[in-house]
Amino acid sequence: MSKLRVNCFSLSLDGFGAGPDQDLENPLGVGGMAVHDWFRKTRTFQEMIGNAGGETGLDDDFAAVAVENVGASILGRNMFGPVRGPWPDETWKGWWGEDPPYHTDVFVLTHHARDPIPMEGGTTFYFVTEGIEAALERARAAAKGLSLIHI
């Protein structure tokens, strides 16, 4: 059975993983990106988003181990985007452009149904309205024995 992991996710000293006032200019809220700078600077993350370079060393070693053997991911709706309530249309496809860094099936928890979105690089976003247990069951099936990441 797949293991559920939380990896490469940072918290501020006061317990927050994002800042306030999420919007298009601030995907993780105002000041939220700074909490995750250590990961964004690594060679592992840069490769995930199709870039060359990035820092090596202890942070990159940790990042590489954290993302290996991942077969599926589960996201909250805010991690997918800033749109609230019913989807106004199908134009929003996530913060990452046409080739998101996941490269696996991603199950997005939401109260509002939407058709799956296949993207470049092997990522397909599925929108789960039946709750976390349903998302976990679907992600485990998609992971085919590899680990799951919940973000």
N, C-alpha and C. Protein backbone atom coordinates (compact mmCIF):
# COMPACT_ATOMS: atom_id res chain seq x y z
N MET A 1 0.84 -1.18 0.00
CA MET A 1 0.00 0.00 0.00
C MET A 1 0.89 1.24 0.00
N SER A 2 0.42 2.28 -0.66
CA SER A 2 1.15 3.54 -0.74
C SER A 2 1.25 4.21 0.62
N LYS A 3 2.38 4.88 0.85
CA LYS A 3 2.55 5.68 2.06
C LYS A 3 2.14 7.11 1.76
N LEU A 4 1.49 7.75 2.72
CA LEU A 4 1.13 9.15 2.59
C LEU A 4 2.21 9.96 3.30
N ARG A 5 2.80 10.94 2.57
CA ARG A 5 3.88 11.75 3.11
C ARG A 5 3.54 13.23 2.94
N VAL A 6 4.10 14.03 3.80
CA VAL A 6 4.11 15.48 3.62
C VAL A 6 5.57 15.85 3.52
N ASN A 7 6.00 16.32 2.36
CA ASN A 7 7.42 16.58 2.11
C ASN A 7 7.62 17.96 1.50
N CYS A 8 8.80 18.51 1.76
CA CYS A 8 9.21 19.78 1.16
C CYS A 8 8.17 20.87 1.39
N PHE A 9 7.54 20.83 2.55
CA PHE A 9 6.59 21.86 2.91
C PHE A 9 7.11 22.54 4.15
N SER A 10 7.19 23.84 4.09
CA SER A 10 7.77 24.61 5.19
C SER A 10 6.70 25.32 5.98
N LEU A 11 7.01 25.58 7.24
CA LEU A 11 6.16 26.38 8.10
C LEU A 11 6.98 27.50 8.72
N SER A 12 6.35 28.65 8.89
CA SER A 12 7.00 29.74 9.59
C SER A 12 7.05 29.38 11.08
N LEU A 13 7.82 30.12 11.84
CA LEU A 13 7.94 29.85 13.27
C LEU A 13 6.60 29.97 14.00
N ASP A 14 5.68 30.76 13.44
CA ASP A 14 4.37 30.88 14.08
C ASP A 14 3.34 29.92 13.47
N GLY A 15 3.80 28.94 12.66
CA GLY A 15 2.94 27.85 12.23
C GLY A 15 2.19 28.02 10.93
N PHE A 16 2.59 28.95 10.08
CA PHE A 16 1.90 29.16 8.81
C PHE A 16 2.73 28.65 7.64
N GLY A 17 2.07 28.06 6.64
CA GLY A 17 2.72 27.59 5.42
C GLY A 17 2.48 28.53 4.25
N ALA A 18 1.73 29.60 4.48
CA ALA A 18 1.43 30.59 3.46
C ALA A 18 1.17 31.92 4.15
N GLY A 19 1.21 32.98 3.39
CA GLY A 19 0.93 34.30 3.93
C GLY A 19 -0.52 34.69 3.68
N PRO A 20 -0.94 35.84 4.19
CA PRO A 20 -2.31 36.31 3.96
C PRO A 20 -2.48 36.87 2.55
N ASP A 21 -3.71 37.03 2.14
CA ASP A 21 -4.05 37.74 0.91
C ASP A 21 -3.52 37.07 -0.36
N GLN A 22 -3.83 35.80 -0.52
CA GLN A 22 -3.43 35.08 -1.74
C GLN A 22 -4.10 35.75 -2.95
N ASP A 23 -3.31 35.96 -4.01
CA ASP A 23 -3.84 36.48 -5.27
C ASP A 23 -2.88 36.08 -6.39
N LEU A 24 -3.14 36.55 -7.60
CA LEU A 24 -2.32 36.15 -8.74
C LEU A 24 -0.85 36.54 -8.59
N GLU A 25 -0.57 37.66 -7.96
CA GLU A 25 0.81 38.10 -7.76
C GLU A 25 1.47 37.40 -6.57
N ASN A 26 0.68 36.85 -5.67
CA ASN A 26 1.18 36.20 -4.46
C ASN A 26 0.52 34.83 -4.29
N PRO A 27 0.98 33.83 -5.06
CA PRO A 27 0.34 32.51 -5.02
C PRO A 27 0.30 31.87 -3.63
N LEU A 28 1.27 32.18 -2.79
CA LEU A 28 1.29 31.66 -1.43
C LEU A 28 0.99 32.76 -0.42
N GLY A 29 0.29 33.79 -0.85
CA GLY A 29 -0.03 34.92 0.00
C GLY A 29 1.16 35.86 0.13
N VAL A 30 0.91 37.03 0.68
CA VAL A 30 1.96 38.03 0.86
C VAL A 30 3.04 37.47 1.78
N GLY A 31 4.26 37.38 1.30
CA GLY A 31 5.39 36.86 2.08
C GLY A 31 5.47 35.35 2.12
N GLY A 32 4.50 34.66 1.56
CA GLY A 32 4.47 33.20 1.64
C GLY A 32 5.58 32.49 0.90
N MET A 33 6.04 33.06 -0.22
CA MET A 33 7.10 32.42 -1.00
C MET A 33 8.40 32.33 -0.20
N ALA A 34 8.65 33.29 0.66
CA ALA A 34 9.89 33.31 1.44
C ALA A 34 10.02 32.08 2.33
N VAL A 35 8.91 31.55 2.81
CA VAL A 35 8.94 30.38 3.67
C VAL A 35 9.48 29.16 2.92
N HIS A 36 9.28 29.13 1.62
CA HIS A 36 9.67 27.98 0.80
C HIS A 36 10.91 28.24 -0.05
N ASP A 37 11.60 29.35 0.17
CA ASP A 37 12.78 29.69 -0.64
C ASP A 37 13.82 28.58 -0.65
N TRP A 38 14.04 27.93 0.49
CA TRP A 38 15.07 26.88 0.56
C TRP A 38 14.81 25.82 -0.50
N PHE A 39 13.54 25.44 -0.70
CA PHE A 39 13.20 24.39 -1.66
C PHE A 39 13.25 24.92 -3.09
N ARG A 40 12.74 26.11 -3.32
CA ARG A 40 12.70 26.68 -4.67
C ARG A 40 14.09 26.91 -5.24
N LYS A 41 15.10 27.07 -4.39
CA LYS A 41 16.46 27.31 -4.85
C LYS A 41 17.22 26.03 -5.21
N THR A 42 16.70 24.87 -4.84
CA THR A 42 17.43 23.62 -5.04
C THR A 42 17.45 23.19 -6.50
N ARG A 43 18.48 22.43 -6.85
CA ARG A 43 18.57 21.86 -8.19
C ARG A 43 17.38 20.94 -8.45
N THR A 44 16.96 20.19 -7.43
CA THR A 44 15.83 19.29 -7.58
C THR A 44 14.58 20.04 -8.02
N PHE A 45 14.24 21.13 -7.35
CA PHE A 45 13.05 21.89 -7.73
C PHE A 45 13.22 22.51 -9.10
N GLN A 46 14.39 23.06 -9.38
CA GLN A 46 14.62 23.66 -10.69
C GLN A 46 14.42 22.64 -11.81
N GLU A 47 14.87 21.41 -11.60
CA GLU A 47 14.65 20.36 -12.59
C GLU A 47 13.16 20.03 -12.71
N MET A 48 12.44 20.05 -11.59
CA MET A 48 11.00 19.76 -11.62
C MET A 48 10.24 20.75 -12.49
N ILE A 49 10.72 21.99 -12.57
CA ILE A 49 10.03 23.00 -13.36
C ILE A 49 10.72 23.25 -14.70
N GLY A 50 11.64 22.36 -15.07
CA GLY A 50 12.25 22.42 -16.39
C GLY A 50 13.40 23.38 -16.54
N ASN A 51 14.00 23.80 -15.44
CA ASN A 51 15.14 24.72 -15.49
C ASN A 51 16.44 23.98 -15.19
N ALA A 52 17.53 24.52 -15.69
CA ALA A 52 18.86 24.02 -15.34
C ALA A 52 19.34 24.80 -14.11
N GLY A 53 20.38 24.28 -13.48
CA GLY A 53 20.98 24.98 -12.35
C GLY A 53 20.28 24.66 -11.05
N GLY A 54 20.43 25.56 -10.10
CA GLY A 54 19.90 25.35 -8.77
C GLY A 54 21.01 24.96 -7.82
N GLU A 55 20.76 25.17 -6.55
CA GLU A 55 21.76 24.90 -5.52
C GLU A 55 21.81 23.41 -5.18
N THR A 56 23.02 22.95 -4.88
CA THR A 56 23.21 21.59 -4.38
C THR A 56 23.59 21.69 -2.91
N GLY A 57 23.74 20.57 -2.27
CA GLY A 57 24.08 20.56 -0.85
C GLY A 57 22.98 19.92 -0.04
N LEU A 58 22.97 20.20 1.24
CA LEU A 58 22.04 19.55 2.17
C LEU A 58 20.57 19.78 1.80
N ASP A 59 20.20 21.02 1.47
CA ASP A 59 18.81 21.28 1.11
C ASP A 59 18.40 20.49 -0.13
N ASP A 60 19.29 20.45 -1.13
CA ASP A 60 18.98 19.70 -2.34
C ASP A 60 18.92 18.20 -2.06
N ASP A 61 19.80 17.71 -1.21
CA ASP A 61 19.74 16.29 -0.84
C ASP A 61 18.39 15.96 -0.21
N PHE A 62 17.93 16.80 0.69
CA PHE A 62 16.64 16.60 1.34
C PHE A 62 15.51 16.67 0.32
N ALA A 63 15.56 17.65 -0.57
CA ALA A 63 14.52 17.81 -1.60
C ALA A 63 14.47 16.59 -2.53
N ALA A 64 15.63 16.09 -2.92
CA ALA A 64 15.68 14.95 -3.84
C ALA A 64 15.05 13.71 -3.22
N VAL A 65 15.35 13.44 -1.98
CA VAL A 65 14.77 12.29 -1.29
C VAL A 65 13.26 12.48 -1.13
N ALA A 66 12.84 13.70 -0.86
CA ALA A 66 11.43 13.98 -0.61
C ALA A 66 10.56 13.78 -1.84
N VAL A 67 11.08 13.99 -3.03
CA VAL A 67 10.24 13.89 -4.23
C VAL A 67 10.45 12.59 -5.01
N GLU A 68 11.36 11.72 -4.55
CA GLU A 68 11.55 10.47 -5.28
C GLU A 68 10.42 9.49 -4.99
N ASN A 69 10.08 8.69 -5.97
CA ASN A 69 9.06 7.64 -5.85
C ASN A 69 7.67 8.15 -5.48
N VAL A 70 7.32 9.35 -5.92
CA VAL A 70 5.98 9.88 -5.69
C VAL A 70 5.10 9.46 -6.87
N GLY A 71 3.96 8.86 -6.55
CA GLY A 71 3.06 8.39 -7.60
C GLY A 71 1.81 9.23 -7.77
N ALA A 72 1.48 10.07 -6.81
CA ALA A 72 0.30 10.94 -6.89
C ALA A 72 0.39 11.98 -5.79
N SER A 73 -0.37 13.07 -5.96
CA SER A 73 -0.41 14.13 -4.96
C SER A 73 -1.85 14.52 -4.68
N ILE A 74 -2.06 15.05 -3.47
CA ILE A 74 -3.35 15.60 -3.06
C ILE A 74 -3.11 17.05 -2.67
N LEU A 75 -3.90 17.95 -3.24
CA LEU A 75 -3.78 19.38 -2.95
C LEU A 75 -5.10 19.91 -2.42
N GLY A 76 -5.01 20.92 -1.59
CA GLY A 76 -6.18 21.72 -1.28
C GLY A 76 -6.44 22.66 -2.44
N ARG A 77 -7.65 23.15 -2.53
CA ARG A 77 -8.01 24.01 -3.66
C ARG A 77 -7.16 25.27 -3.72
N ASN A 78 -6.80 25.84 -2.59
CA ASN A 78 -5.97 27.05 -2.60
C ASN A 78 -4.60 26.80 -3.22
N MET A 79 -4.08 25.59 -3.09
CA MET A 79 -2.79 25.27 -3.73
C MET A 79 -2.95 25.19 -5.24
N PHE A 80 -4.15 24.94 -5.72
CA PHE A 80 -4.40 24.90 -7.16
C PHE A 80 -4.59 26.31 -7.71
N GLY A 81 -5.21 27.19 -6.97
CA GLY A 81 -5.42 28.54 -7.49
C GLY A 81 -6.24 29.42 -6.60
N PRO A 82 -6.37 30.70 -6.98
CA PRO A 82 -7.05 31.69 -6.15
C PRO A 82 -8.56 31.77 -6.38
N VAL A 83 -9.10 30.98 -7.28
CA VAL A 83 -10.52 31.06 -7.62
C VAL A 83 -11.33 30.48 -6.46
N ARG A 84 -12.33 31.20 -5.99
CA ARG A 84 -13.18 30.76 -4.89
C ARG A 84 -14.59 30.49 -5.40
N GLY A 85 -15.31 29.63 -4.72
CA GLY A 85 -16.68 29.34 -5.10
C GLY A 85 -16.75 28.51 -6.37
N PRO A 86 -17.91 28.51 -7.03
CA PRO A 86 -18.05 27.76 -8.28
C PRO A 86 -17.04 28.27 -9.32
N TRP A 87 -16.59 27.36 -10.17
CA TRP A 87 -15.65 27.74 -11.23
C TRP A 87 -16.38 28.64 -12.23
N PRO A 88 -15.89 29.86 -12.46
CA PRO A 88 -16.59 30.75 -13.41
C PRO A 88 -16.46 30.26 -14.85
N ASP A 89 -15.36 29.55 -15.13
CA ASP A 89 -15.11 28.99 -16.46
C ASP A 89 -13.97 27.99 -16.32
N GLU A 90 -13.50 27.46 -17.42
CA GLU A 90 -12.45 26.43 -17.39
C GLU A 90 -11.06 27.00 -17.70
N THR A 91 -10.88 28.31 -17.67
CA THR A 91 -9.61 28.89 -18.10
C THR A 91 -8.48 28.70 -17.09
N TRP A 92 -8.78 28.74 -15.79
CA TRP A 92 -7.72 28.61 -14.79
C TRP A 92 -7.24 27.16 -14.74
N LYS A 93 -5.93 26.95 -14.94
CA LYS A 93 -5.36 25.59 -14.95
C LYS A 93 -4.23 25.44 -13.94
N GLY A 94 -4.17 26.30 -12.95
CA GLY A 94 -3.15 26.19 -11.92
C GLY A 94 -2.09 27.27 -12.05
N TRP A 95 -1.29 27.38 -10.99
CA TRP A 95 -0.26 28.41 -10.90
C TRP A 95 0.93 28.18 -11.83
N TRP A 96 1.14 26.98 -12.34
CA TRP A 96 2.42 26.55 -12.88
C TRP A 96 2.56 26.61 -14.37
N GLY A 97 1.57 27.02 -15.11
CA GLY A 97 1.64 27.02 -16.56
C GLY A 97 1.31 25.63 -17.12
N GLU A 98 1.70 25.40 -18.35
CA GLU A 98 1.32 24.18 -19.06
C GLU A 98 2.04 22.92 -18.58
N ASP A 99 3.16 23.07 -17.86
CA ASP A 99 3.93 21.90 -17.40
C ASP A 99 4.17 22.00 -15.90
N PRO A 100 3.15 21.65 -15.08
CA PRO A 100 3.29 21.74 -13.63
C PRO A 100 4.39 20.83 -13.10
N PRO A 101 4.93 21.12 -11.92
CA PRO A 101 6.07 20.36 -11.39
C PRO A 101 5.73 18.97 -10.86
N TYR A 102 4.47 18.57 -10.84
CA TYR A 102 4.09 17.32 -10.19
C TYR A 102 4.44 16.08 -11.00
N HIS A 103 4.14 16.08 -12.28
CA HIS A 103 4.45 14.95 -13.18
C HIS A 103 3.76 13.65 -12.74
N THR A 104 2.63 13.78 -12.07
CA THR A 104 1.81 12.65 -11.62
C THR A 104 0.36 13.11 -11.65
N ASP A 105 -0.55 12.20 -11.32
CA ASP A 105 -1.93 12.61 -11.11
C ASP A 105 -2.01 13.40 -9.81
N VAL A 106 -2.81 14.47 -9.83
CA VAL A 106 -2.99 15.34 -8.68
C VAL A 106 -4.48 15.44 -8.39
N PHE A 107 -4.85 15.19 -7.14
CA PHE A 107 -6.25 15.21 -6.72
C PHE A 107 -6.48 16.45 -5.88
N VAL A 108 -7.32 17.35 -6.39
CA VAL A 108 -7.58 18.64 -5.77
C VAL A 108 -8.89 18.57 -4.99
N LEU A 109 -8.81 18.83 -3.68
CA LEU A 109 -10.00 18.85 -2.83
C LEU A 109 -10.79 20.14 -3.08
N THR A 110 -12.06 19.99 -3.39
CA THR A 110 -12.91 21.15 -3.67
C THR A 110 -14.36 20.80 -3.40
N HIS A 111 -15.19 21.82 -3.26
CA HIS A 111 -16.63 21.62 -3.14
C HIS A 111 -17.33 21.78 -4.49
N HIS A 112 -16.56 22.12 -5.53
CA HIS A 112 -17.14 22.45 -6.82
C HIS A 112 -16.54 21.57 -7.92
N ALA A 113 -17.39 20.76 -8.52
CA ALA A 113 -16.95 19.81 -9.54
C ALA A 113 -16.35 20.52 -10.76
N ARG A 114 -15.45 19.80 -11.39
CA ARG A 114 -14.81 20.30 -12.61
C ARG A 114 -14.24 19.10 -13.34
N ASP A 115 -14.21 19.16 -14.66
CA ASP A 115 -13.62 18.08 -15.45
C ASP A 115 -12.12 18.01 -15.21
N PRO A 116 -11.52 16.82 -15.33
CA PRO A 116 -10.06 16.69 -15.18
C PRO A 116 -9.33 17.56 -16.21
N ILE A 117 -8.12 17.98 -15.82
CA ILE A 117 -7.29 18.80 -16.71
C ILE A 117 -5.97 18.09 -16.96
N PRO A 118 -5.80 17.47 -18.13
CA PRO A 118 -4.50 16.88 -18.46
C PRO A 118 -3.52 17.98 -18.87
N MET A 119 -2.31 17.91 -18.36
CA MET A 119 -1.28 18.91 -18.63
C MET A 119 -0.05 18.23 -19.21
N GLU A 120 0.91 19.04 -19.66
CA GLU A 120 2.18 18.50 -20.13
C GLU A 120 2.95 17.87 -18.98
N GLY A 121 3.87 16.99 -19.32
CA GLY A 121 4.77 16.42 -18.31
C GLY A 121 4.16 15.32 -17.46
N GLY A 122 2.95 14.87 -17.80
CA GLY A 122 2.36 13.76 -17.06
C GLY A 122 1.44 14.15 -15.91
N THR A 123 1.20 15.43 -15.70
CA THR A 123 0.30 15.86 -14.64
C THR A 123 -1.14 15.90 -15.18
N THR A 124 -2.06 15.31 -14.43
CA THR A 124 -3.48 15.50 -14.68
C THR A 124 -4.10 15.91 -13.34
N PHE A 125 -4.84 17.02 -13.36
CA PHE A 125 -5.55 17.47 -12.17
C PHE A 125 -6.96 16.88 -12.17
N TYR A 126 -7.32 16.23 -11.07
CA TYR A 126 -8.66 15.69 -10.86
C TYR A 126 -9.27 16.45 -9.69
N PHE A 127 -10.54 16.78 -9.78
CA PHE A 127 -11.20 17.58 -8.77
C PHE A 127 -12.15 16.69 -7.98
N VAL A 128 -11.88 16.57 -6.69
CA VAL A 128 -12.59 15.62 -5.84
C VAL A 128 -13.53 16.40 -4.92
N THR A 129 -14.83 16.12 -5.05
CA THR A 129 -15.82 16.82 -4.25
C THR A 129 -16.36 15.96 -3.12
N GLU A 130 -15.93 14.71 -3.04
CA GLU A 130 -16.48 13.78 -2.05
C GLU A 130 -15.70 13.73 -0.74
N GLY A 131 -14.69 14.58 -0.58
CA GLY A 131 -13.96 14.64 0.68
C GLY A 131 -12.58 14.01 0.61
N ILE A 132 -11.83 14.17 1.72
CA ILE A 132 -10.44 13.72 1.79
C ILE A 132 -10.32 12.21 1.67
N GLU A 133 -11.25 11.45 2.23
CA GLU A 133 -11.15 9.99 2.14
C GLU A 133 -11.25 9.53 0.69
N ALA A 134 -12.15 10.13 -0.07
CA ALA A 134 -12.28 9.79 -1.49
C ALA A 134 -11.02 10.18 -2.26
N ALA A 135 -10.48 11.36 -1.95
CA ALA A 135 -9.25 11.79 -2.62
C ALA A 135 -8.10 10.83 -2.30
N LEU A 136 -8.00 10.42 -1.04
CA LEU A 136 -6.95 9.50 -0.63
C LEU A 136 -7.10 8.15 -1.35
N GLU A 137 -8.31 7.65 -1.44
CA GLU A 137 -8.55 6.37 -2.13
C GLU A 137 -8.17 6.47 -3.61
N ARG A 138 -8.57 7.54 -4.26
CA ARG A 138 -8.25 7.71 -5.68
C ARG A 138 -6.76 7.91 -5.90
N ALA A 139 -6.12 8.68 -5.01
CA ALA A 139 -4.68 8.90 -5.14
C ALA A 139 -3.90 7.62 -4.91
N ARG A 140 -4.31 6.81 -3.94
CA ARG A 140 -3.63 5.53 -3.71
C ARG A 140 -3.71 4.64 -4.94
N ALA A 141 -4.87 4.58 -5.57
CA ALA A 141 -5.03 3.77 -6.78
C ALA A 141 -4.13 4.30 -7.90
N ALA A 142 -4.07 5.62 -8.05
CA ALA A 142 -3.25 6.22 -9.11
C ALA A 142 -1.76 6.03 -8.86
N ALA A 143 -1.35 6.01 -7.59
CA ALA A 143 0.08 5.92 -7.24
C ALA A 143 0.66 4.54 -7.51
N LYS A 144 -0.17 3.53 -7.60
CA LYS A 144 0.28 2.17 -7.92
C LYS A 144 1.45 1.73 -7.02
N GLY A 145 1.28 1.91 -5.72
CA GLY A 145 2.26 1.46 -4.75
C GLY A 145 3.34 2.47 -4.42
N LEU A 146 3.48 3.53 -5.21
CA LEU A 146 4.44 4.59 -4.89
C LEU A 146 3.84 5.47 -3.79
N SER A 147 4.62 6.40 -3.29
CA SER A 147 4.16 7.29 -2.22
C SER A 147 3.19 8.34 -2.73
N LEU A 148 2.40 8.87 -1.79
CA LEU A 148 1.50 9.98 -2.05
C LEU A 148 2.04 11.17 -1.28
N ILE A 149 1.85 12.35 -1.85
CA ILE A 149 2.21 13.57 -1.14
C ILE A 149 0.93 14.39 -0.95
N HIS A 150 0.71 14.83 0.27
CA HIS A 150 -0.40 15.72 0.57
C HIS A 150 0.17 17.09 0.86
N ILE A 151 -0.28 18.07 0.08
CA ILE A 151 0.21 19.44 0.24
C ILE A 151 -0.94 20.33 0.61
